[in-house]
Amino acid sequence: MEPMNIRPSEPRDLPFLRDLFLRSRRATFHWTSPSFFSLADFDMETEGEQHLVALYNEQPVGFVSVWQPSNFIHHLHVDPNYLRRGIGKALLSALPGWKRSCYQLKCVSANSGALVFYLAHGFTKVGEGYADHQHYQLLESSGFESS
């Protein structure tokens, strides 16, 4: 496996983050028209959130976006060309207090690949709901170490 690094996002990452956010959602959310998504979505949907960027051979290949006050994972996207290389797991593991803290996220029920990923990485379903015309699962990580 090539060298991977996770770091906080920097202003120079914005073009990559916007592009990946657009490409990933267009590729994954097949139930939504691709024209529904735009490059401007990243800035609007992640305002005020902490972003960690995954670098693979010094090239950005993924990110996680977290609303830190409540440990809510709002977005996790990996470049489709780099899936199944441990990048998503590395992004989760790099979150502050990952092994001790409880993180929550909402995953659209139709996004079966993401649901499988999160359940395989320690999340459990704690609820469900409906928002923005989509059914979602509320998932939670309970922390992996007892303190």
C-alpha atoms as a PDB file:
ATOM      1  CA  MET A   1       0.000   0.000   0.000  1.00  0.00           C
ATOM      2  CA  GLU A   2       1.261   3.479  -0.842  1.00  0.00           C
ATOM      3  CA  PRO A   3       1.940   5.924   1.991  1.00  0.00           C
ATOM      4  CA  MET A   4      -1.195   7.572   3.381  1.00  0.00           C
ATOM      5  CA  ASN A   5      -1.466  10.640   5.556  1.00  0.00           C
ATOM      6  CA  ILE A   6      -4.441  12.368   7.171  1.00  0.00           C
ATOM      7  CA  ARG A   7      -4.283  16.076   7.971  1.00  0.00           C
ATOM      8  CA  PRO A   8      -6.624  19.015   8.599  1.00  0.00           C
ATOM      9  CA  SER A   9      -7.771  20.668   5.397  1.00  0.00           C
ATOM     10  CA  GLU A  10      -6.005  23.768   4.150  1.00  0.00           C
ATOM     11  CA  PRO A  11      -7.310  26.541   1.882  1.00  0.00           C
ATOM     12  CA  ARG A  12      -5.382  25.011  -1.032  1.00  0.00           C
ATOM     13  CA  ASP A  13      -7.559  21.868  -0.685  1.00  0.00           C
ATOM     14  CA  LEU A  14     -10.814  23.653  -1.550  1.00  0.00           C
ATOM     15  CA  PRO A  15     -10.774  22.940  -5.311  1.00  0.00           C
ATOM     16  CA  PHE A  16     -10.199  19.232  -4.615  1.00  0.00           C
ATOM     17  CA  LEU A  17     -12.833  19.103  -1.856  1.00  0.00           C
ATOM     18  CA  ARG A  18     -15.460  20.785  -4.029  1.00  0.00           C
ATOM     19  CA  ASP A  19     -14.678  18.542  -6.999  1.00  0.00           C
ATOM     20  CA  LEU A  20     -14.660  15.289  -5.005  1.00  0.00           C
ATOM     21  CA  PHE A  21     -17.882  16.233  -3.215  1.00  0.00           C
ATOM     22  CA  LEU A  22     -19.557  16.795  -6.586  1.00  0.00           C
ATOM     23  CA  ARG A  23     -18.141  13.694  -8.326  1.00  0.00           C
ATOM     24  CA  SER A  24     -18.749  11.370  -5.400  1.00  0.00           C
ATOM     25  CA  ARG A  25     -22.376  12.375  -4.929  1.00  0.00           C
ATOM     26  CA  ARG A  26     -23.111  12.181  -8.653  1.00  0.00           C
ATOM     27  CA  ALA A  27     -21.604   8.676  -8.778  1.00  0.00           C
ATOM     28  CA  THR A  28     -23.158   7.387  -5.554  1.00  0.00           C
ATOM     29  CA  PHE A  29     -26.586   8.998  -5.321  1.00  0.00           C
ATOM     30  CA  HIS A  30     -27.929   7.311  -8.452  1.00  0.00           C
ATOM     31  CA  TRP A  31     -31.518   7.991  -7.330  1.00  0.00           C
ATOM     32  CA  THR A  32     -30.950  11.758  -7.740  1.00  0.00           C
ATOM     33  CA  SER A  33     -30.431  13.576 -11.031  1.00  0.00           C
ATOM     34  CA  PRO A  34     -26.747  14.532 -11.445  1.00  0.00           C
ATOM     35  CA  SER A  35     -27.863  18.058 -12.373  1.00  0.00           C
ATOM     36  CA  PHE A  36     -29.152  18.474  -8.801  1.00  0.00           C
ATOM     37  CA  PHE A  37     -25.557  18.752  -7.526  1.00  0.00           C
ATOM     38  CA  SER A  38     -23.104  21.630  -8.060  1.00  0.00           C
ATOM     39  CA  LEU A  39     -19.581  22.651  -7.053  1.00  0.00           C
ATOM     40  CA  ALA A  40     -21.025  25.297  -4.703  1.00  0.00           C
ATOM     41  CA  ASP A  41     -22.682  22.589  -2.571  1.00  0.00           C
ATOM     42  CA  PHE A  42     -19.511  21.805  -0.628  1.00  0.00           C
ATOM     43  CA  ASP A  43     -19.176  25.321   0.778  1.00  0.00           C
ATOM     44  CA  MET A  44     -22.849  25.512   1.759  1.00  0.00           C
ATOM     45  CA  GLU A  45     -23.155  22.018   3.230  1.00  0.00           C
ATOM     46  CA  THR A  46     -19.947  21.988   5.261  1.00  0.00           C
ATOM     47  CA  GLU A  47     -19.801  25.553   6.576  1.00  0.00           C
ATOM     48  CA  GLY A  48     -18.411  25.633  10.103  1.00  0.00           C
ATOM     49  CA  GLU A  49     -17.323  21.998  10.029  1.00  0.00           C
ATOM     50  CA  GLN A  50     -13.893  20.491  10.617  1.00  0.00           C
ATOM     51  CA  HIS A  51     -12.449  18.782   7.527  1.00  0.00           C
ATOM     52  CA  LEU A  52      -9.757  16.140   7.513  1.00  0.00           C
ATOM     53  CA  VAL A  53      -8.161  15.267   4.179  1.00  0.00           C
ATOM     54  CA  ALA A  54      -6.676  11.905   3.222  1.00  0.00           C
ATOM     55  CA  LEU A  55      -3.534  12.030   1.107  1.00  0.00           C
ATOM     56  CA  TYR A  56      -2.355   8.993  -0.836  1.00  0.00           C
ATOM     57  CA  ASN A  57       1.161   9.445  -2.230  1.00  0.00           C
ATOM     58  CA  GLU A  58       0.735  13.133  -1.306  1.00  0.00           C
ATOM     59  CA  GLN A  59      -2.383  13.445  -3.509  1.00  0.00           C
ATOM     60  CA  PRO A  60      -5.741  14.236  -1.847  1.00  0.00           C
ATOM     61  CA  VAL A  61      -8.101  11.285  -2.257  1.00  0.00           C
ATOM     62  CA  GLY A  62     -10.779  11.706   0.410  1.00  0.00           C
ATOM     63  CA  PHE A  63     -12.165  13.762   3.249  1.00  0.00           C
ATOM     64  CA  VAL A  64     -14.379  13.638   6.301  1.00  0.00           C
ATOM     65  CA  SER A  65     -16.399  16.637   7.464  1.00  0.00           C
ATOM     66  CA  VAL A  66     -17.512  16.833  11.112  1.00  0.00           C
ATOM     67  CA  TRP A  67     -19.680  19.222  13.081  1.00  0.00           C
ATOM     68  CA  GLN A  68     -17.368  19.143  16.090  1.00  0.00           C
ATOM     69  CA  PRO A  69     -19.659  20.515  18.847  1.00  0.00           C
ATOM     70  CA  SER A  70     -21.776  17.353  18.636  1.00  0.00           C
ATOM     71  CA  ASN A  71     -19.297  14.887  17.039  1.00  0.00           C
ATOM     72  CA  PHE A  72     -21.603  14.594  14.031  1.00  0.00           C
ATOM     73  CA  ILE A  73     -20.041  13.186  10.867  1.00  0.00           C
ATOM     74  CA  HIS A  74     -21.737  15.109   8.097  1.00  0.00           C
ATOM     75  CA  HIS A  75     -19.810  13.795   5.097  1.00  0.00           C
ATOM     76  CA  LEU A  76     -17.202  11.167   4.298  1.00  0.00           C
ATOM     77  CA  HIS A  77     -16.173  10.859   0.659  1.00  0.00           C
ATOM     78  CA  VAL A  78     -13.375   8.913  -1.007  1.00  0.00           C
ATOM     79  CA  ASP A  79     -12.373   9.311  -4.629  1.00  0.00           C
ATOM     80  CA  PRO A  80     -14.081   6.422  -6.490  1.00  0.00           C
ATOM     81  CA  ASN A  81     -10.691   5.439  -7.970  1.00  0.00           C
ATOM     82  CA  TYR A  82      -9.349   4.825  -4.437  1.00  0.00           C
ATOM     83  CA  LEU A  83     -12.172   2.877  -2.815  1.00  0.00           C
ATOM     84  CA  ARG A  84     -11.414  -0.210  -0.705  1.00  0.00           C
ATOM     85  CA  ARG A  85      -7.891   0.867   0.169  1.00  0.00           C
ATOM     86  CA  GLY A  86      -8.509   1.708   3.830  1.00  0.00           C
ATOM     87  CA  ILE A  87      -8.945   5.431   3.260  1.00  0.00           C
ATOM     88  CA  GLY A  88     -12.414   5.693   4.819  1.00  0.00           C
ATOM     89  CA  LYS A  89     -11.259   3.713   7.845  1.00  0.00           C
ATOM     90  CA  ALA A  90      -8.170   5.931   8.174  1.00  0.00           C
ATOM     91  CA  LEU A  91     -10.327   9.065   8.041  1.00  0.00           C
ATOM     92  CA  LEU A  92     -12.570   7.742  10.817  1.00  0.00           C
ATOM     93  CA  SER A  93      -9.589   6.685  12.927  1.00  0.00           C
ATOM     94  CA  ALA A  94      -8.095  10.178  12.611  1.00  0.00           C
ATOM     95  CA  LEU A  95     -11.141  11.867  14.155  1.00  0.00           C
ATOM     96  CA  PRO A  96     -10.408  13.475  17.532  1.00  0.00           C
ATOM     97  CA  GLY A  97     -11.075  10.975  20.300  1.00  0.00           C
ATOM     98  CA  TRP A  98     -12.268   8.318  17.829  1.00  0.00           C
ATOM     99  CA  LYS A  99     -11.562   5.404  20.179  1.00  0.00           C
ATOM    100  CA  ARG A 100     -13.178   7.068  23.193  1.00  0.00           C
ATOM    101  CA  SER A 101     -15.905   9.303  21.786  1.00  0.00           C
ATOM    102  CA  CYS A 102     -19.372   8.723  20.450  1.00  0.00           C
ATOM    103  CA  TYR A 103     -19.840   9.941  16.875  1.00  0.00           C
ATOM    104  CA  GLN A 104     -23.167  10.037  15.047  1.00  0.00           C
ATOM    105  CA  LEU A 105     -24.128  10.301  11.409  1.00  0.00           C
ATOM    106  CA  LYS A 106     -27.132  10.002   9.140  1.00  0.00           C
ATOM    107  CA  CYS A 107     -26.786   7.669   6.172  1.00  0.00           C
ATOM    108  CA  VAL A 108     -29.337   7.679   3.368  1.00  0.00           C
ATOM    109  CA  SER A 109     -30.955   4.241   3.399  1.00  0.00           C
ATOM    110  CA  ALA A 110     -30.542   3.872  -0.371  1.00  0.00           C
ATOM    111  CA  ASN A 111     -26.764   4.259   0.033  1.00  0.00           C
ATOM    112  CA  SER A 112     -26.231   0.573   0.778  1.00  0.00           C
ATOM    113  CA  GLY A 113     -22.468   0.668   0.230  1.00  0.00           C
ATOM    114  CA  ALA A 114     -22.030   3.364   2.868  1.00  0.00           C
ATOM    115  CA  LEU A 115     -24.306   1.535   5.311  1.00  0.00           C
ATOM    116  CA  VAL A 116     -22.238  -1.638   4.969  1.00  0.00           C
ATOM    117  CA  PHE A 117     -19.042   0.387   5.469  1.00  0.00           C
ATOM    118  CA  TYR A 118     -20.241   2.127   8.634  1.00  0.00           C
ATOM    119  CA  LEU A 119     -21.671  -1.026  10.202  1.00  0.00           C
ATOM    120  CA  ALA A 120     -18.395  -2.846   9.487  1.00  0.00           C
ATOM    121  CA  HIS A 121     -16.494  -0.046  11.237  1.00  0.00           C
ATOM    122  CA  GLY A 122     -18.259  -0.089  14.577  1.00  0.00           C
ATOM    123  CA  PHE A 123     -21.418   1.926  14.013  1.00  0.00           C
ATOM    124  CA  THR A 124     -24.820   0.676  15.127  1.00  0.00           C
ATOM    125  CA  LYS A 125     -28.262   1.820  14.088  1.00  0.00           C
ATOM    126  CA  VAL A 126     -29.887   3.911  16.819  1.00  0.00           C
ATOM    127  CA  GLY A 127     -32.771   5.402  14.849  1.00  0.00           C
ATOM    128  CA  GLU A 128     -34.144   6.365  11.490  1.00  0.00           C
ATOM    129  CA  GLY A 129     -35.976   9.237   9.920  1.00  0.00           C
ATOM    130  CA  TYR A 130     -37.028  11.061   6.810  1.00  0.00           C
ATOM    131  CA  ALA A 131     -35.585  14.372   5.616  1.00  0.00           C
ATOM    132  CA  ASP A 132     -35.052  16.079   2.270  1.00  0.00           C
ATOM    133  CA  HIS A 133     -37.294  13.479   0.589  1.00  0.00           C
ATOM    134  CA  GLN A 134     -35.033  10.629   1.710  1.00  0.00           C
ATOM    135  CA  HIS A 135     -35.213   7.919   4.333  1.00  0.00           C
ATOM    136  CA  TYR A 136     -32.082   7.728   6.475  1.00  0.00           C
ATOM    137  CA  GLN A 137     -30.535   5.600   9.202  1.00  0.00           C
ATOM    138  CA  LEU A 138     -29.139   7.295  12.302  1.00  0.00           C
ATOM    139  CA  LEU A 139     -25.894   5.514  13.178  1.00  0.00           C
ATOM    140  CA  GLU A 140     -23.652   5.847  16.195  1.00  0.00           C
ATOM    141  CA  SER A 141     -20.184   4.733  17.180  1.00  0.00           C
ATOM    142  CA  SER A 142     -19.983   4.058  20.878  1.00  0.00           C
ATOM    143  CA  GLY A 143     -16.255   4.493  21.288  1.00  0.00           C
ATOM    144  CA  PHE A 144     -14.035   1.463  21.421  1.00  0.00           C
ATOM    145  CA  GLU A 145     -12.219   1.943  24.718  1.00  0.00           C
ATOM    146  CA  SER A 146     -13.780   2.115  28.141  1.00  0.00           C
ATOM    147  CA  SER A 147     -12.349   4.831  30.324  1.00  0.00           C
END
